[in-house]
N, C-alpha and C. Protein backbone atom coordinates (compact mmCIF):
# COMPACT_ATOMS: atom_id res chain seq x y z
N MET A 1 81.95 71.69 85.44
CA MET A 1 82.30 71.73 86.84
C MET A 1 82.39 73.20 87.30
N VAL A 2 81.68 73.53 88.33
CA VAL A 2 81.69 74.88 88.90
C VAL A 2 82.65 74.90 90.09
N ILE A 3 83.56 75.90 89.99
CA ILE A 3 84.58 75.99 91.10
C ILE A 3 83.98 76.90 92.21
N SER A 4 83.95 76.36 93.40
CA SER A 4 83.50 77.12 94.56
C SER A 4 84.73 77.54 95.29
N PHE A 5 85.01 78.85 95.35
CA PHE A 5 86.13 79.36 96.05
C PHE A 5 86.08 79.10 97.53
N GLU A 6 84.90 78.99 98.08
CA GLU A 6 84.80 78.68 99.52
C GLU A 6 85.28 77.21 99.79
N GLU A 7 84.97 76.29 98.90
CA GLU A 7 85.44 74.95 99.08
C GLU A 7 86.91 74.88 98.95
N ILE A 8 87.44 75.59 97.92
CA ILE A 8 88.89 75.57 97.71
C ILE A 8 89.59 76.18 98.90
N TYR A 9 89.10 77.24 99.43
CA TYR A 9 89.65 77.89 100.65
C TYR A 9 89.62 76.95 101.83
N LYS A 10 88.55 76.20 102.03
CA LYS A 10 88.48 75.29 103.12
C LYS A 10 89.50 74.16 102.96
N ASP A 11 89.61 73.69 101.71
CA ASP A 11 90.57 72.60 101.46
C ASP A 11 92.04 73.07 101.70
N ILE A 12 92.33 74.25 101.21
CA ILE A 12 93.68 74.78 101.43
C ILE A 12 93.96 75.08 102.88
N ASP A 13 92.95 75.53 103.59
CA ASP A 13 93.11 75.82 105.04
C ASP A 13 93.40 74.55 105.83
N THR A 14 92.97 73.41 105.36
CA THR A 14 93.21 72.18 106.09
C THR A 14 94.57 71.56 105.83
N LEU A 15 95.23 72.03 104.80
CA LEU A 15 96.57 71.53 104.47
C LEU A 15 97.59 72.01 105.47
N PRO A 16 98.67 71.24 105.65
CA PRO A 16 99.77 71.68 106.53
C PRO A 16 100.45 72.89 105.89
N GLU A 17 101.18 73.64 106.69
CA GLU A 17 101.83 74.94 106.20
C GLU A 17 102.72 74.61 105.01
N GLU A 18 103.52 73.53 105.07
CA GLU A 18 104.48 73.21 104.04
C GLU A 18 103.75 72.96 102.73
N ALA A 19 102.56 72.35 102.76
CA ALA A 19 101.78 72.11 101.53
C ALA A 19 101.22 73.44 101.03
N GLN A 20 100.79 74.29 101.93
CA GLN A 20 100.27 75.63 101.54
C GLN A 20 101.39 76.48 100.83
N LEU A 21 102.60 76.34 101.29
CA LEU A 21 103.73 77.06 100.65
C LEU A 21 104.02 76.53 99.26
N LEU A 22 103.97 75.14 99.19
CA LEU A 22 104.13 74.56 97.82
C LEU A 22 103.00 75.05 96.87
N LEU A 23 101.83 75.15 97.38
CA LEU A 23 100.73 75.60 96.53
C LEU A 23 100.94 76.98 96.06
N LEU A 24 101.47 77.87 96.95
CA LEU A 24 101.81 79.26 96.58
C LEU A 24 102.83 79.26 95.51
N ASP A 25 103.85 78.41 95.66
CA ASP A 25 104.93 78.34 94.63
C ASP A 25 104.37 77.87 93.26
N PHE A 26 103.47 76.92 93.30
CA PHE A 26 102.78 76.47 92.12
C PHE A 26 101.99 77.59 91.46
N ILE A 27 101.26 78.32 92.25
CA ILE A 27 100.47 79.48 91.74
C ILE A 27 101.41 80.47 91.03
N GLN A 28 102.56 80.79 91.63
CA GLN A 28 103.48 81.75 91.06
C GLN A 28 104.00 81.17 89.74
N LEU A 29 104.31 79.90 89.68
CA LEU A 29 104.77 79.25 88.40
C LEU A 29 103.69 79.36 87.35
N LEU A 30 102.43 79.15 87.66
CA LEU A 30 101.36 79.27 86.74
C LEU A 30 101.16 80.70 86.20
N LYS A 31 101.34 81.66 87.10
CA LYS A 31 101.27 83.07 86.73
C LYS A 31 102.33 83.46 85.72
N LYS A 32 103.53 82.86 85.87
CA LYS A 32 104.63 83.19 84.98
C LYS A 32 104.36 82.46 83.63
N ARG A 33 103.80 81.26 83.69
CA ARG A 33 103.57 80.55 82.46
C ARG A 33 102.41 81.09 81.63
N TYR A 34 101.41 81.63 82.38
CA TYR A 34 100.22 82.16 81.74
C TYR A 34 100.04 83.61 82.12
N PRO A 35 100.87 84.52 81.63
CA PRO A 35 100.71 85.91 81.97
C PRO A 35 99.41 86.48 81.42
N PRO A 36 98.87 87.46 82.05
CA PRO A 36 97.60 88.07 81.61
C PRO A 36 97.84 88.70 80.18
N THR A 37 96.83 88.65 79.35
CA THR A 37 96.80 89.18 78.06
C THR A 37 96.71 90.70 78.15
N GLU A 38 96.93 91.47 77.11
CA GLU A 38 96.82 92.88 77.12
C GLU A 38 95.40 93.33 77.49
N ALA A 39 94.43 92.61 76.99
CA ALA A 39 93.03 92.94 77.19
C ALA A 39 92.74 92.77 78.74
N GLU A 40 93.29 91.69 79.32
CA GLU A 40 93.06 91.49 80.72
C GLU A 40 93.74 92.51 81.57
N ASN A 41 94.90 93.03 81.13
CA ASN A 41 95.62 94.07 81.88
C ASN A 41 94.74 95.34 81.86
N HIS A 42 94.13 95.68 80.76
CA HIS A 42 93.35 96.89 80.65
C HIS A 42 92.03 96.74 81.42
N SER A 43 91.49 95.51 81.50
CA SER A 43 90.28 95.27 82.21
C SER A 43 90.38 95.44 83.76
N GLN A 44 91.59 95.29 84.30
CA GLN A 44 91.83 95.50 85.69
C GLN A 44 91.72 96.93 86.03
N GLU A 45 90.66 97.30 86.75
CA GLU A 45 90.36 98.66 87.05
C GLU A 45 91.39 99.24 87.99
N LYS A 46 91.92 100.45 87.67
CA LYS A 46 92.81 101.14 88.51
C LYS A 46 92.00 101.89 89.59
N SER A 47 92.70 102.10 90.69
CA SER A 47 91.98 102.89 91.78
C SER A 47 91.89 104.32 91.35
N LEU A 48 90.95 105.04 91.97
CA LEU A 48 90.82 106.49 91.65
C LEU A 48 92.06 107.26 91.99
N TYR A 49 92.75 106.85 93.03
CA TYR A 49 94.01 107.53 93.41
C TYR A 49 95.04 107.33 92.27
N ASP A 50 95.17 106.06 91.74
CA ASP A 50 96.10 105.76 90.68
C ASP A 50 95.81 106.56 89.46
N LYS A 51 94.51 106.64 89.09
CA LYS A 51 94.07 107.43 87.97
C LYS A 51 94.49 108.90 88.06
N PHE A 52 94.17 109.49 89.23
CA PHE A 52 94.52 110.88 89.49
C PHE A 52 96.01 111.10 89.47
N ASP A 53 96.75 110.18 90.04
CA ASP A 53 98.22 110.27 90.04
C ASP A 53 98.77 110.20 88.64
N GLU A 54 98.22 109.33 87.84
CA GLU A 54 98.66 109.16 86.46
C GLU A 54 98.55 110.39 85.63
N ILE A 55 97.40 111.15 85.87
CA ILE A 55 97.17 112.32 85.06
C ILE A 55 97.72 113.61 85.72
N GLY A 56 98.41 113.46 86.92
CA GLY A 56 99.03 114.59 87.49
C GLY A 56 98.20 115.40 88.44
N LEU A 57 97.10 114.86 88.91
CA LEU A 57 96.27 115.69 89.84
C LEU A 57 96.69 115.52 91.28
N ILE A 58 97.45 114.45 91.62
CA ILE A 58 97.89 114.27 92.97
C ILE A 58 99.07 115.24 93.18
N GLY A 59 98.92 116.05 94.16
CA GLY A 59 99.99 117.03 94.55
C GLY A 59 100.00 118.27 93.69
N CYS A 60 98.92 118.48 92.97
CA CYS A 60 98.90 119.66 92.10
C CYS A 60 98.47 120.96 92.85
N CYS A 61 98.09 120.82 94.08
CA CYS A 61 97.75 122.06 94.84
C CYS A 61 98.15 121.77 96.34
N SER A 62 98.22 122.82 97.12
CA SER A 62 98.52 122.66 98.53
C SER A 62 97.33 123.17 99.34
N ILE A 63 96.98 122.43 100.39
CA ILE A 63 95.93 122.82 101.29
C ILE A 63 96.35 122.50 102.72
N GLU A 64 95.50 122.92 103.65
CA GLU A 64 95.79 122.66 105.03
C GLU A 64 95.77 121.13 105.31
N GLU A 65 96.61 120.65 106.14
CA GLU A 65 96.72 119.25 106.38
C GLU A 65 95.42 118.71 106.96
N ASN A 66 94.79 119.48 107.81
CA ASN A 66 93.57 119.00 108.49
C ASN A 66 92.28 119.49 107.87
N LEU A 67 92.33 119.75 106.58
CA LEU A 67 91.11 120.25 105.89
C LEU A 67 89.98 119.33 105.99
N SER A 68 90.19 118.03 106.01
CA SER A 68 89.10 117.08 106.08
C SER A 68 88.28 117.25 107.36
N THR A 69 88.85 117.79 108.40
CA THR A 69 88.11 117.98 109.63
C THR A 69 87.72 119.43 109.86
N THR A 70 88.32 120.38 109.16
CA THR A 70 87.98 121.82 109.37
C THR A 70 87.36 122.47 108.11
N TYR A 71 86.88 121.64 107.19
CA TYR A 71 86.43 122.21 105.95
C TYR A 71 85.21 123.12 106.15
N LYS A 72 84.38 122.81 107.08
CA LYS A 72 83.20 123.65 107.29
C LYS A 72 83.61 125.09 107.74
N GLU A 73 84.62 125.14 108.69
CA GLU A 73 85.03 126.44 109.16
C GLU A 73 85.74 127.26 107.95
N VAL A 74 86.56 126.51 107.24
CA VAL A 74 87.28 127.17 106.09
C VAL A 74 86.25 127.67 105.09
N LEU A 75 85.27 126.79 104.76
CA LEU A 75 84.25 127.15 103.75
C LEU A 75 83.43 128.33 104.22
N SER A 76 83.04 128.35 105.48
CA SER A 76 82.22 129.53 105.95
C SER A 76 82.98 130.82 105.90
N LYS A 77 84.28 130.78 106.18
CA LYS A 77 85.11 132.02 106.09
C LYS A 77 85.31 132.43 104.61
N THR A 78 85.51 131.48 103.84
CA THR A 78 85.71 131.76 102.41
C THR A 78 84.48 132.33 101.73
N LEU A 79 83.32 131.66 102.03
CA LEU A 79 82.10 132.18 101.44
C LEU A 79 81.72 133.58 102.00
N GLN A 80 81.99 133.78 103.26
CA GLN A 80 81.69 135.06 103.85
C GLN A 80 82.56 136.14 103.19
N ASN A 81 83.79 135.90 102.91
CA ASN A 81 84.62 136.89 102.26
C ASN A 81 84.19 137.11 100.83
N LYS A 82 83.81 136.00 100.18
CA LYS A 82 83.47 136.10 98.75
C LYS A 82 82.10 136.82 98.56
N TYR A 83 81.11 136.58 99.41
CA TYR A 83 79.82 137.16 99.28
C TYR A 83 79.52 138.24 100.31
N ASP A 84 80.53 138.83 100.91
CA ASP A 84 80.30 139.84 101.98
C ASP A 84 79.63 141.12 101.42
N HIS A 85 79.74 141.38 100.13
CA HIS A 85 79.20 142.61 99.55
C HIS A 85 77.70 142.57 99.43
N ARG A 86 76.97 141.48 99.63
CA ARG A 86 75.54 141.36 99.48
C ARG A 86 74.78 141.87 100.59
């Protein structure tokens, strides 16, 4: 039997709110009863931000707050100062 999440979603969506809440409670009960294995925990990919934060790269330097919008101006000044001698 192949589970179609679209069909499940449609079925859940037609249930009354009280039944949907019961279903959520049941799902929480199942998650407690069947916790993910260690291999499953490792297989869940962390976000790039989480990886950088974990290794200490988040907050390791300070920059202008609006660098994402002014980077071209900052880069042109920096490169001009760096290669001015040419």
